[in-house]
Amino acid sequence: MAELKLAKLPDRVPVRISISVSPDLNLALNDYARVYEEAYGKAETASDLIPAMLETFLSSDKTFARMRKPPEEGRSAGRRKVE
């Protein structure tokens, strides 16, 4: 098979997860959504903002980035283990 400049795209199918949060955190998330709308002029629900919040948090954690192992070929990204 020929090697293309562009690597094979990773799995981009969203994975749905459910979490329970405290009433205080729920209030804070909804407040954040309100402040987001004031800042950007576009209403977004807290549940729409949470994935971006988590990505931002994880990408800014330098210790996590250092300790995280790249996914092994053929291993699902959702099953990576941090040791």
N, C-alpha and C. Protein backbone atom coordinates (compact mmCIF):
# COMPACT_ATOMS: atom_id res chain seq x y z
N MET A 1 0.85 -1.18 0.00
CA MET A 1 0.00 0.00 0.00
C MET A 1 0.89 1.24 0.00
N ALA A 2 0.53 2.23 -0.79
CA ALA A 2 1.30 3.46 -0.87
C ALA A 2 1.15 4.28 0.40
N GLU A 3 2.25 4.94 0.79
CA GLU A 3 2.18 5.82 1.97
C GLU A 3 1.81 7.21 1.51
N LEU A 4 0.72 7.70 2.00
CA LEU A 4 0.28 9.05 1.68
C LEU A 4 0.85 10.02 2.70
N LYS A 5 0.94 11.27 2.32
CA LYS A 5 1.39 12.31 3.24
C LYS A 5 0.44 12.42 4.42
N LEU A 6 -0.85 12.29 4.15
CA LEU A 6 -1.87 12.33 5.19
C LEU A 6 -2.05 10.94 5.77
N ALA A 7 -1.85 10.82 7.07
CA ALA A 7 -2.03 9.53 7.72
C ALA A 7 -3.52 9.18 7.78
N LYS A 8 -3.78 7.91 8.01
CA LYS A 8 -5.17 7.46 8.15
C LYS A 8 -5.82 8.22 9.29
N LEU A 9 -7.02 8.73 9.04
CA LEU A 9 -7.73 9.49 10.06
C LEU A 9 -8.12 8.59 11.23
N PRO A 10 -8.05 9.11 12.45
CA PRO A 10 -8.44 8.32 13.62
C PRO A 10 -9.96 8.17 13.68
N ASP A 11 -10.40 7.27 14.53
CA ASP A 11 -11.83 7.09 14.75
C ASP A 11 -12.40 8.39 15.28
N ARG A 12 -13.42 8.92 14.60
CA ARG A 12 -14.02 10.19 15.01
C ARG A 12 -15.47 10.03 15.41
N VAL A 13 -15.88 8.81 15.67
CA VAL A 13 -17.25 8.57 16.10
C VAL A 13 -17.37 8.96 17.57
N PRO A 14 -18.24 9.90 17.89
CA PRO A 14 -18.37 10.31 19.29
C PRO A 14 -18.79 9.14 20.18
N VAL A 15 -18.29 9.16 21.39
CA VAL A 15 -18.65 8.15 22.39
C VAL A 15 -19.48 8.84 23.45
N ARG A 16 -20.66 8.33 23.69
CA ARG A 16 -21.55 8.93 24.68
C ARG A 16 -21.24 8.36 26.05
N ILE A 17 -21.06 9.26 27.03
CA ILE A 17 -20.90 8.85 28.42
C ILE A 17 -21.88 9.65 29.26
N SER A 18 -22.22 9.12 30.38
CA SER A 18 -23.13 9.81 31.31
C SER A 18 -22.41 10.00 32.63
N ILE A 19 -22.62 11.16 33.23
CA ILE A 19 -22.03 11.42 34.55
C ILE A 19 -23.09 12.06 35.43
N SER A 20 -22.90 11.94 36.71
CA SER A 20 -23.73 12.63 37.69
C SER A 20 -22.85 13.67 38.35
N VAL A 21 -23.39 14.87 38.54
CA VAL A 21 -22.63 15.94 39.18
C VAL A 21 -23.42 16.46 40.38
N SER A 22 -22.70 17.11 41.26
CA SER A 22 -23.35 17.68 42.43
C SER A 22 -24.23 18.86 42.01
N PRO A 23 -25.21 19.21 42.83
CA PRO A 23 -26.04 20.37 42.49
C PRO A 23 -25.21 21.65 42.33
N ASP A 24 -24.17 21.81 43.16
CA ASP A 24 -23.32 22.99 43.06
C ASP A 24 -22.57 23.03 41.72
N LEU A 25 -22.05 21.88 41.29
CA LEU A 25 -21.35 21.83 40.02
C LEU A 25 -22.32 22.08 38.87
N ASN A 26 -23.51 21.54 38.95
CA ASN A 26 -24.52 21.78 37.92
C ASN A 26 -24.82 23.28 37.80
N LEU A 27 -24.97 23.93 38.94
CA LEU A 27 -25.22 25.37 38.94
C LEU A 27 -24.05 26.12 38.30
N ALA A 28 -22.84 25.74 38.67
CA ALA A 28 -21.66 26.39 38.12
C ALA A 28 -21.56 26.18 36.61
N LEU A 29 -21.85 24.99 36.13
CA LEU A 29 -21.81 24.71 34.69
C LEU A 29 -22.84 25.55 33.94
N ASN A 30 -24.04 25.65 34.51
CA ASN A 30 -25.07 26.47 33.87
C ASN A 30 -24.70 27.95 33.92
N ASP A 31 -24.07 28.40 35.01
CA ASP A 31 -23.58 29.77 35.08
C ASP A 31 -22.50 30.00 34.02
N TYR A 32 -21.63 29.02 33.84
CA TYR A 32 -20.58 29.14 32.83
C TYR A 32 -21.19 29.28 31.44
N ALA A 33 -22.21 28.49 31.17
CA ALA A 33 -22.89 28.58 29.87
C ALA A 33 -23.48 29.98 29.67
N ARG A 34 -24.02 30.56 30.73
CA ARG A 34 -24.58 31.92 30.65
C ARG A 34 -23.47 32.93 30.37
N VAL A 35 -22.35 32.82 31.08
CA VAL A 35 -21.23 33.73 30.88
C VAL A 35 -20.64 33.55 29.48
N TYR A 36 -20.59 32.31 29.01
CA TYR A 36 -20.12 32.01 27.65
C TYR A 36 -20.98 32.76 26.63
N GLU A 37 -22.29 32.70 26.82
CA GLU A 37 -23.19 33.40 25.89
C GLU A 37 -22.94 34.90 25.93
N GLU A 38 -22.74 35.46 27.11
CA GLU A 38 -22.45 36.90 27.22
C GLU A 38 -21.14 37.25 26.51
N ALA A 39 -20.14 36.38 26.63
CA ALA A 39 -18.83 36.64 26.06
C ALA A 39 -18.82 36.49 24.54
N TYR A 40 -19.54 35.49 24.01
CA TYR A 40 -19.46 35.17 22.60
C TYR A 40 -20.74 35.43 21.81
N GLY A 41 -21.82 35.77 22.51
CA GLY A 41 -23.07 36.07 21.82
C GLY A 41 -23.76 34.87 21.21
N LYS A 42 -23.40 33.68 21.66
CA LYS A 42 -24.01 32.46 21.16
C LYS A 42 -24.34 31.56 22.34
N ALA A 43 -25.60 31.17 22.42
CA ALA A 43 -26.03 30.30 23.51
C ALA A 43 -25.58 28.87 23.26
N GLU A 44 -24.98 28.27 24.27
CA GLU A 44 -24.59 26.86 24.24
C GLU A 44 -25.03 26.26 25.57
N THR A 45 -25.47 25.02 25.53
CA THR A 45 -25.84 24.35 26.78
C THR A 45 -24.58 23.89 27.49
N ALA A 46 -24.70 23.68 28.78
CA ALA A 46 -23.57 23.18 29.55
C ALA A 46 -23.11 21.84 28.98
N SER A 47 -24.04 20.99 28.59
CA SER A 47 -23.65 19.68 28.05
C SER A 47 -22.90 19.81 26.73
N ASP A 48 -23.13 20.88 25.97
CA ASP A 48 -22.36 21.11 24.75
C ASP A 48 -20.98 21.65 25.05
N LEU A 49 -20.83 22.36 26.16
CA LEU A 49 -19.54 22.95 26.53
C LEU A 49 -18.62 21.97 27.26
N ILE A 50 -19.18 21.00 27.95
CA ILE A 50 -18.38 20.09 28.78
C ILE A 50 -17.29 19.37 27.99
N PRO A 51 -17.55 18.80 26.81
CA PRO A 51 -16.45 18.15 26.08
C PRO A 51 -15.28 19.09 25.80
N ALA A 52 -15.57 20.33 25.41
CA ALA A 52 -14.49 21.29 25.16
C ALA A 52 -13.77 21.64 26.45
N MET A 53 -14.50 21.73 27.55
CA MET A 53 -13.88 22.02 28.84
C MET A 53 -12.91 20.89 29.22
N LEU A 54 -13.35 19.66 29.04
CA LEU A 54 -12.50 18.51 29.38
C LEU A 54 -11.27 18.45 28.49
N GLU A 55 -11.44 18.70 27.18
CA GLU A 55 -10.29 18.70 26.27
C GLU A 55 -9.30 19.78 26.66
N THR A 56 -9.80 20.97 27.00
CA THR A 56 -8.93 22.07 27.41
C THR A 56 -8.18 21.71 28.69
N PHE A 57 -8.89 21.15 29.65
CA PHE A 57 -8.26 20.75 30.91
C PHE A 57 -7.17 19.72 30.66
N LEU A 58 -7.49 18.66 29.93
CA LEU A 58 -6.51 17.59 29.70
C LEU A 58 -5.31 18.08 28.90
N SER A 59 -5.54 18.93 27.89
CA SER A 59 -4.43 19.39 27.07
C SER A 59 -3.53 20.37 27.82
N SER A 60 -4.03 20.97 28.90
CA SER A 60 -3.21 21.91 29.66
C SER A 60 -2.49 21.26 30.84
N ASP A 61 -2.75 19.99 31.09
CA ASP A 61 -2.11 19.28 32.20
C ASP A 61 -0.79 18.67 31.71
N LYS A 62 0.31 19.37 31.98
CA LYS A 62 1.61 18.95 31.47
C LYS A 62 2.09 17.63 32.07
N THR A 63 1.78 17.38 33.33
CA THR A 63 2.16 16.11 33.94
C THR A 63 1.43 14.96 33.27
N PHE A 64 0.15 15.14 33.03
CA PHE A 64 -0.63 14.10 32.34
C PHE A 64 -0.03 13.84 30.96
N ALA A 65 0.29 14.90 30.21
CA ALA A 65 0.84 14.74 28.86
C ALA A 65 2.15 13.97 28.90
N ARG A 66 3.00 14.27 29.89
CA ARG A 66 4.28 13.58 30.02
C ARG A 66 4.09 12.11 30.35
N MET A 67 3.14 11.80 31.21
CA MET A 67 2.96 10.43 31.68
C MET A 67 2.09 9.57 30.76
N ARG A 68 1.35 10.22 29.88
CA ARG A 68 0.44 9.49 29.02
C ARG A 68 1.22 8.73 27.96
N LYS A 69 0.87 7.50 27.78
CA LYS A 69 1.52 6.69 26.76
C LYS A 69 0.71 6.79 25.48
N PRO A 70 1.39 6.81 24.33
CA PRO A 70 0.63 6.83 23.08
C PRO A 70 -0.15 5.53 22.93
N PRO A 71 -1.29 5.58 22.24
CA PRO A 71 -2.08 4.36 22.08
C PRO A 71 -1.32 3.32 21.26
N GLU A 72 -1.45 2.09 21.65
CA GLU A 72 -0.82 1.01 20.89
C GLU A 72 -1.65 0.77 19.64
N GLU A 73 -0.99 0.38 18.57
CA GLU A 73 -1.69 0.10 17.33
C GLU A 73 -2.75 -0.97 17.55
N GLY A 74 -3.94 -0.73 17.08
CA GLY A 74 -5.02 -1.69 17.20
C GLY A 74 -5.74 -1.62 18.53
N ARG A 75 -5.27 -0.79 19.44
CA ARG A 75 -5.89 -0.67 20.76
C ARG A 75 -6.80 0.54 20.75
N SER A 76 -7.99 0.39 21.27
CA SER A 76 -8.97 1.47 21.28
C SER A 76 -8.47 2.64 22.11
N ALA A 77 -8.65 3.87 21.60
CA ALA A 77 -8.22 5.07 22.31
C ALA A 77 -8.95 5.20 23.64
N GLY A 78 -10.17 4.70 23.73
CA GLY A 78 -10.94 4.79 24.95
C GLY A 78 -10.46 3.86 26.05
N ARG A 79 -9.50 2.98 25.71
CA ARG A 79 -9.03 2.00 26.69
C ARG A 79 -7.59 2.23 27.07
N ARG A 80 -7.07 3.42 26.80
CA ARG A 80 -5.69 3.72 27.18
C ARG A 80 -5.56 3.73 28.68
N LYS A 81 -4.41 3.32 29.14
CA LYS A 81 -4.19 3.24 30.58
C LYS A 81 -3.02 4.14 30.95
N VAL A 82 -3.21 4.98 31.94
CA VAL A 82 -2.13 5.80 32.45
C VAL A 82 -1.55 5.09 33.64
N GLU A 83 -0.24 4.83 33.61
CA GLU A 83 0.42 4.12 34.70
C GLU A 83 1.33 5.04 35.45
